[in-house]
Every structure is written in C-alpha cells, then in structure tokens.
Amino acid sequence: MSDLPLTETIKAAMKAAMRARDKERLGTIRLIQSEIKRIEVDERIELDDARVLVVLDKMIKQRRDSAQQYHAAGRDELANQEEREIAVIQEFLPAQLSDAELEAMIDAAVANAGGSGMQAMGAVMAELKPKLQGRADIGAVSKLVKARLSA
C-alpha cells in the first residue's frame, strides 16, 4: 500500500475505477466510501487508518456471512457477487499474516498476559486485536487463543 491515508487511497481507487469504467469495482468502492462517510457524519469525526481498517474488516465479515447464507440457500450467483466484493475490499487491507507470524504473536501475547487459563483470554485479545486489525480474522484468532489457553 502507499504512504497516503487509507481514505485517500480508496478515493484514488474510485477515480481509477471510474476511468476504467469498471462498474462492479466502482460499486464496491462506493459502498466502502458510503460506510466511511456514514460513520464520519454520525460520530462527527474524521476516521483515521486504524478505524477505516475496522470498517473494512466489518464489511468483509458481513459479506462472508452473506455469501455463506447464499450458498446454503442455493443462490450461488448472489454468493459469487459477495465474494467479488470481498476481493475488492481486501485490496485495501494490509498483507495478511502467515500462520507462523500469527502463532508467534499469540505466544507473545499469552506470555505478556501473565495469567493462565481462560481468565487471561480478555487480556490476550486486548493486546492482539489492535495489532491484528485488518491483517487476520479476529474470530479465527480468538479460537486459536482459546485453544492455546485451554491446553
């Protein structure tokens, strides 16, 4: 990704999609823009990159859930549309962590938490979440942490 703020990168991508007449990509980028703008207007703030990553993560999670439900209902064309939107949204996220990197971060967080067992779950997740935002599926990380703490 570039040195520009994420909102500027998204605006540049929207302009590029307009020039390329890529309606599907443009539609997804406009969805991203509208969600960011909605939050900025509702909360009367300007979103920073960290908050934009949270928004993008939430949008991907919603689309994964929808795609799963569409597949279960036999509506593959709608599921495929959701998956294409996920691909466009993921372009704005930082590179995903490898399993080894993720395991190392979990190990460090568990060691830093100082506790053991499920009582340390909140502390471990509180340390990991800001570091992993946009770089890993927080739900999957939560399952890995739970497995590590209960072992």
C-alpha atoms as a PDB file:
ATOM      1  CA  MET A   1       0.000   0.000   0.000  1.00  0.00           C
ATOM      2  CA  SER A   2       1.029   3.611  -0.379  1.00  0.00           C
ATOM      3  CA  ASP A   3       2.015   6.285   2.121  1.00  0.00           C
ATOM      4  CA  LEU A   4      -1.327   8.041   1.611  1.00  0.00           C
ATOM      5  CA  PRO A   5      -4.008   7.769   4.269  1.00  0.00           C
ATOM      6  CA  LEU A   6      -6.323   4.855   3.566  1.00  0.00           C
ATOM      7  CA  THR A   7      -9.256   7.154   2.775  1.00  0.00           C
ATOM      8  CA  GLU A   8      -7.167   8.878   0.076  1.00  0.00           C
ATOM      9  CA  THR A   9      -6.092   5.506  -1.348  1.00  0.00           C
ATOM     10  CA  ILE A  10      -9.759   4.488  -1.567  1.00  0.00           C
ATOM     11  CA  LYS A  11     -10.658   7.765  -3.317  1.00  0.00           C
ATOM     12  CA  ALA A  12      -7.837   7.247  -5.829  1.00  0.00           C
ATOM     13  CA  ALA A  13      -9.037   3.698  -6.484  1.00  0.00           C
ATOM     14  CA  MET A  14     -12.552   5.018  -7.060  1.00  0.00           C
ATOM     15  CA  LYS A  15     -11.289   7.505  -9.636  1.00  0.00           C
ATOM     16  CA  ALA A  16      -9.294   4.769 -11.370  1.00  0.00           C
ATOM     17  CA  ALA A  17     -12.358   2.503 -11.480  1.00  0.00           C
ATOM     18  CA  MET A  18     -14.415   5.355 -12.949  1.00  0.00           C
ATOM     19  CA  ARG A  19     -11.818   5.947 -15.677  1.00  0.00           C
ATOM     20  CA  ALA A  20     -11.657   2.211 -16.426  1.00  0.00           C
ATOM     21  CA  ARG A  21     -15.479   2.033 -16.500  1.00  0.00           C
ATOM     22  CA  ASP A  22     -15.326  -0.938 -14.120  1.00  0.00           C
ATOM     23  CA  LYS A  23     -18.869  -0.748 -12.755  1.00  0.00           C
ATOM     24  CA  GLU A  24     -18.618  -3.710 -10.392  1.00  0.00           C
ATOM     25  CA  ARG A  25     -15.399  -2.493  -8.728  1.00  0.00           C
ATOM     26  CA  LEU A  26     -16.709   1.064  -8.640  1.00  0.00           C
ATOM     27  CA  GLY A  27     -19.890  -0.087  -6.914  1.00  0.00           C
ATOM     28  CA  THR A  28     -17.953  -1.865  -4.185  1.00  0.00           C
ATOM     29  CA  ILE A  29     -15.631   1.095  -3.646  1.00  0.00           C
ATOM     30  CA  ARG A  30     -18.663   3.377  -3.378  1.00  0.00           C
ATOM     31  CA  LEU A  31     -20.078   1.059  -0.707  1.00  0.00           C
ATOM     32  CA  ILE A  32     -16.821   1.455   1.224  1.00  0.00           C
ATOM     33  CA  GLN A  33     -16.923   5.241   0.799  1.00  0.00           C
ATOM     34  CA  SER A  34     -20.533   5.474   1.938  1.00  0.00           C
ATOM     35  CA  GLU A  35     -19.895   3.381   5.058  1.00  0.00           C
ATOM     36  CA  ILE A  36     -16.908   5.562   5.991  1.00  0.00           C
ATOM     37  CA  LYS A  37     -18.900   8.745   5.339  1.00  0.00           C
ATOM     38  CA  ARG A  38     -21.861   7.421   7.359  1.00  0.00           C
ATOM     39  CA  ILE A  39     -19.659   6.858  10.398  1.00  0.00           C
ATOM     40  CA  GLU A  40     -17.946  10.235   9.990  1.00  0.00           C
ATOM     41  CA  VAL A  41     -21.301  12.023   9.848  1.00  0.00           C
ATOM     42  CA  ASP A  42     -22.902  10.021  12.677  1.00  0.00           C
ATOM     43  CA  GLU A  43     -19.975  10.452  15.047  1.00  0.00           C
ATOM     44  CA  ARG A  44     -18.839  13.873  13.775  1.00  0.00           C
ATOM     45  CA  ILE A  45     -15.227  12.726  13.412  1.00  0.00           C
ATOM     46  CA  GLU A  46     -12.758  12.069  10.638  1.00  0.00           C
ATOM     47  CA  LEU A  47     -11.724   8.421  10.546  1.00  0.00           C
ATOM     48  CA  ASP A  48      -8.059   7.526  10.832  1.00  0.00           C
ATOM     49  CA  ASP A  49      -6.490   4.493   9.159  1.00  0.00           C
ATOM     50  CA  ALA A  50      -6.996   2.257  12.198  1.00  0.00           C
ATOM     51  CA  ARG A  51     -10.730   2.971  12.272  1.00  0.00           C
ATOM     52  CA  VAL A  52     -11.021   2.530   8.482  1.00  0.00           C
ATOM     53  CA  LEU A  53      -9.432  -0.920   8.891  1.00  0.00           C
ATOM     54  CA  VAL A  54     -12.106  -1.778  11.463  1.00  0.00           C
ATOM     55  CA  VAL A  55     -14.803  -0.686   8.974  1.00  0.00           C
ATOM     56  CA  LEU A  56     -13.268  -2.761   6.174  1.00  0.00           C
ATOM     57  CA  ASP A  57     -12.961  -5.805   8.456  1.00  0.00           C
ATOM     58  CA  LYS A  58     -16.613  -5.471   9.405  1.00  0.00           C
ATOM     59  CA  MET A  59     -17.656  -5.190   5.753  1.00  0.00           C
ATOM     60  CA  ILE A  60     -15.708  -8.341   4.869  1.00  0.00           C
ATOM     61  CA  LYS A  61     -17.232 -10.238   7.790  1.00  0.00           C
ATOM     62  CA  GLN A  62     -20.738  -9.207   6.711  1.00  0.00           C
ATOM     63  CA  ARG A  63     -20.078 -10.336   3.144  1.00  0.00           C
ATOM     64  CA  ARG A  64     -18.621 -13.670   4.252  1.00  0.00           C
ATOM     65  CA  ASP A  65     -21.719 -14.321   6.346  1.00  0.00           C
ATOM     66  CA  SER A  66     -23.988 -13.354   3.444  1.00  0.00           C
ATOM     67  CA  ALA A  67     -22.054 -15.496   0.960  1.00  0.00           C
ATOM     68  CA  GLN A  68     -22.295 -18.466   3.298  1.00  0.00           C
ATOM     69  CA  GLN A  69     -26.063 -17.997   3.658  1.00  0.00           C
ATOM     70  CA  TYR A  70     -26.493 -17.576  -0.111  1.00  0.00           C
ATOM     71  CA  HIS A  71     -24.531 -20.773  -0.776  1.00  0.00           C
ATOM     72  CA  ALA A  72     -26.666 -22.634   1.765  1.00  0.00           C
ATOM     73  CA  ALA A  73     -29.820 -21.354   0.031  1.00  0.00           C
ATOM     74  CA  GLY A  74     -28.531 -22.368  -3.401  1.00  0.00           C
ATOM     75  CA  ARG A  75     -28.180 -18.745  -4.582  1.00  0.00           C
ATOM     76  CA  ASP A  76     -24.686 -19.105  -5.986  1.00  0.00           C
ATOM     77  CA  GLU A  77     -24.913 -16.009  -8.203  1.00  0.00           C
ATOM     78  CA  LEU A  78     -25.522 -13.818  -5.141  1.00  0.00           C
ATOM     79  CA  ALA A  79     -22.796 -15.626  -3.181  1.00  0.00           C
ATOM     80  CA  ASN A  80     -20.348 -15.034  -6.038  1.00  0.00           C
ATOM     81  CA  GLN A  81     -21.243 -11.320  -6.022  1.00  0.00           C
ATOM     82  CA  GLU A  82     -20.468 -11.134  -2.291  1.00  0.00           C
ATOM     83  CA  GLU A  83     -17.141 -12.925  -2.853  1.00  0.00           C
ATOM     84  CA  ARG A  84     -16.185 -10.478  -5.613  1.00  0.00           C
ATOM     85  CA  GLU A  85     -16.938  -7.600  -3.230  1.00  0.00           C
ATOM     86  CA  ILE A  86     -14.740  -9.252  -0.579  1.00  0.00           C
ATOM     87  CA  ALA A  87     -11.870  -9.403  -3.084  1.00  0.00           C
ATOM     88  CA  VAL A  88     -12.147  -5.671  -3.816  1.00  0.00           C
ATOM     89  CA  ILE A  89     -12.367  -4.721  -0.124  1.00  0.00           C
ATOM     90  CA  GLN A  90      -9.343  -6.881   0.732  1.00  0.00           C
ATOM     91  CA  GLU A  91      -7.209  -4.858  -1.681  1.00  0.00           C
ATOM     92  CA  PHE A  92      -7.275  -2.004   0.843  1.00  0.00           C
ATOM     93  CA  LEU A  93      -6.229  -4.142   3.810  1.00  0.00           C
ATOM     94  CA  PRO A  94      -2.582  -4.734   4.787  1.00  0.00           C
ATOM     95  CA  ALA A  95      -0.976  -8.064   3.879  1.00  0.00           C
ATOM     96  CA  GLN A  96      -2.406 -10.973   5.838  1.00  0.00           C
ATOM     97  CA  LEU A  97      -0.184 -12.581   8.469  1.00  0.00           C
ATOM     98  CA  SER A  98       1.222 -16.045   7.887  1.00  0.00           C
ATOM     99  CA  ASP A  99       0.329 -18.830  10.313  1.00  0.00           C
ATOM    100  CA  ALA A 100       3.847 -18.729  11.798  1.00  0.00           C
ATOM    101  CA  GLU A 101       3.668 -14.955  12.379  1.00  0.00           C
ATOM    102  CA  LEU A 102       0.227 -15.312  13.929  1.00  0.00           C
ATOM    103  CA  GLU A 103       1.382 -18.120  16.241  1.00  0.00           C
ATOM    104  CA  ALA A 104       4.378 -16.025  17.348  1.00  0.00           C
ATOM    105  CA  MET A 105       2.144 -13.029  18.132  1.00  0.00           C
ATOM    106  CA  ILE A 106      -0.263 -15.232  20.101  1.00  0.00           C
ATOM    107  CA  ASP A 107       2.635 -16.773  22.057  1.00  0.00           C
ATOM    108  CA  ALA A 108       3.988 -13.309  22.918  1.00  0.00           C
ATOM    109  CA  ALA A 109       0.561 -12.038  23.966  1.00  0.00           C
ATOM    110  CA  VAL A 110      -0.079 -15.093  26.168  1.00  0.00           C
ATOM    111  CA  ALA A 111       3.333 -14.605  27.816  1.00  0.00           C
ATOM    112  CA  ASN A 112       2.636 -10.887  28.373  1.00  0.00           C
ATOM    113  CA  ALA A 113      -0.819 -11.525  29.830  1.00  0.00           C
ATOM    114  CA  GLY A 114       0.782 -13.080  32.879  1.00  0.00           C
ATOM    115  CA  GLY A 115      -2.266 -15.198  33.658  1.00  0.00           C
ATOM    116  CA  SER A 116      -3.141 -18.672  32.588  1.00  0.00           C
ATOM    117  CA  GLY A 117      -6.274 -20.437  31.574  1.00  0.00           C
ATOM    118  CA  MET A 118      -9.398 -18.776  30.248  1.00  0.00           C
ATOM    119  CA  GLN A 119      -9.080 -15.906  32.746  1.00  0.00           C
ATOM    120  CA  ALA A 120      -6.294 -14.479  30.566  1.00  0.00           C
ATOM    121  CA  MET A 121      -8.441 -14.523  27.392  1.00  0.00           C
ATOM    122  CA  GLY A 122      -9.557 -10.889  27.686  1.00  0.00           C
ATOM    123  CA  ALA A 123      -6.051  -9.589  28.315  1.00  0.00           C
ATOM    124  CA  VAL A 124      -4.580 -11.603  25.448  1.00  0.00           C
ATOM    125  CA  MET A 125      -7.251 -10.490  22.980  1.00  0.00           C
ATOM    126  CA  ALA A 126      -6.970  -6.854  24.146  1.00  0.00           C
ATOM    127  CA  GLU A 127      -3.268  -6.953  23.319  1.00  0.00           C
ATOM    128  CA  LEU A 128      -3.687  -8.765  19.989  1.00  0.00           C
ATOM    129  CA  LYS A 129      -6.679  -7.004  18.482  1.00  0.00           C
ATOM    130  CA  PRO A 130      -5.062  -3.637  17.620  1.00  0.00           C
ATOM    131  CA  LYS A 131      -2.002  -5.395  16.161  1.00  0.00           C
ATOM    132  CA  LEU A 132      -4.052  -7.782  14.036  1.00  0.00           C
ATOM    133  CA  GLN A 133      -6.776  -5.433  12.770  1.00  0.00           C
ATOM    134  CA  GLY A 134      -7.062  -5.948   9.036  1.00  0.00           C
ATOM    135  CA  ARG A 135      -4.245  -8.481   8.988  1.00  0.00           C
ATOM    136  CA  ALA A 136      -6.075 -11.537  10.327  1.00  0.00           C
ATOM    137  CA  ASP A 137      -9.610 -12.742  11.027  1.00  0.00           C
ATOM    138  CA  ILE A 138     -10.163 -11.762  14.669  1.00  0.00           C
ATOM    139  CA  GLY A 139     -12.756 -14.533  15.143  1.00  0.00           C
ATOM    140  CA  ALA A 140     -10.301 -17.182  13.982  1.00  0.00           C
ATOM    141  CA  VAL A 141      -7.586 -15.684  16.193  1.00  0.00           C
ATOM    142  CA  SER A 142      -9.966 -15.821  19.149  1.00  0.00           C
ATOM    143  CA  LYS A 143     -10.473 -19.566  18.557  1.00  0.00           C
ATOM    144  CA  LEU A 144      -6.698 -20.113  18.370  1.00  0.00           C
ATOM    145  CA  VAL A 145      -6.158 -18.163  21.613  1.00  0.00           C
ATOM    146  CA  LYS A 146      -8.951 -20.098  23.324  1.00  0.00           C
ATOM    147  CA  ALA A 147      -7.380 -23.392  22.226  1.00  0.00           C
ATOM    148  CA  ARG A 148      -3.946 -22.251  23.450  1.00  0.00           C
ATOM    149  CA  LEU A 149      -5.241 -21.110  26.849  1.00  0.00           C
ATOM    150  CA  SER A 150      -7.349 -24.199  27.481  1.00  0.00           C
ATOM    151  CA  ALA A 151      -4.498 -26.583  26.607  1.00  0.00           C
END
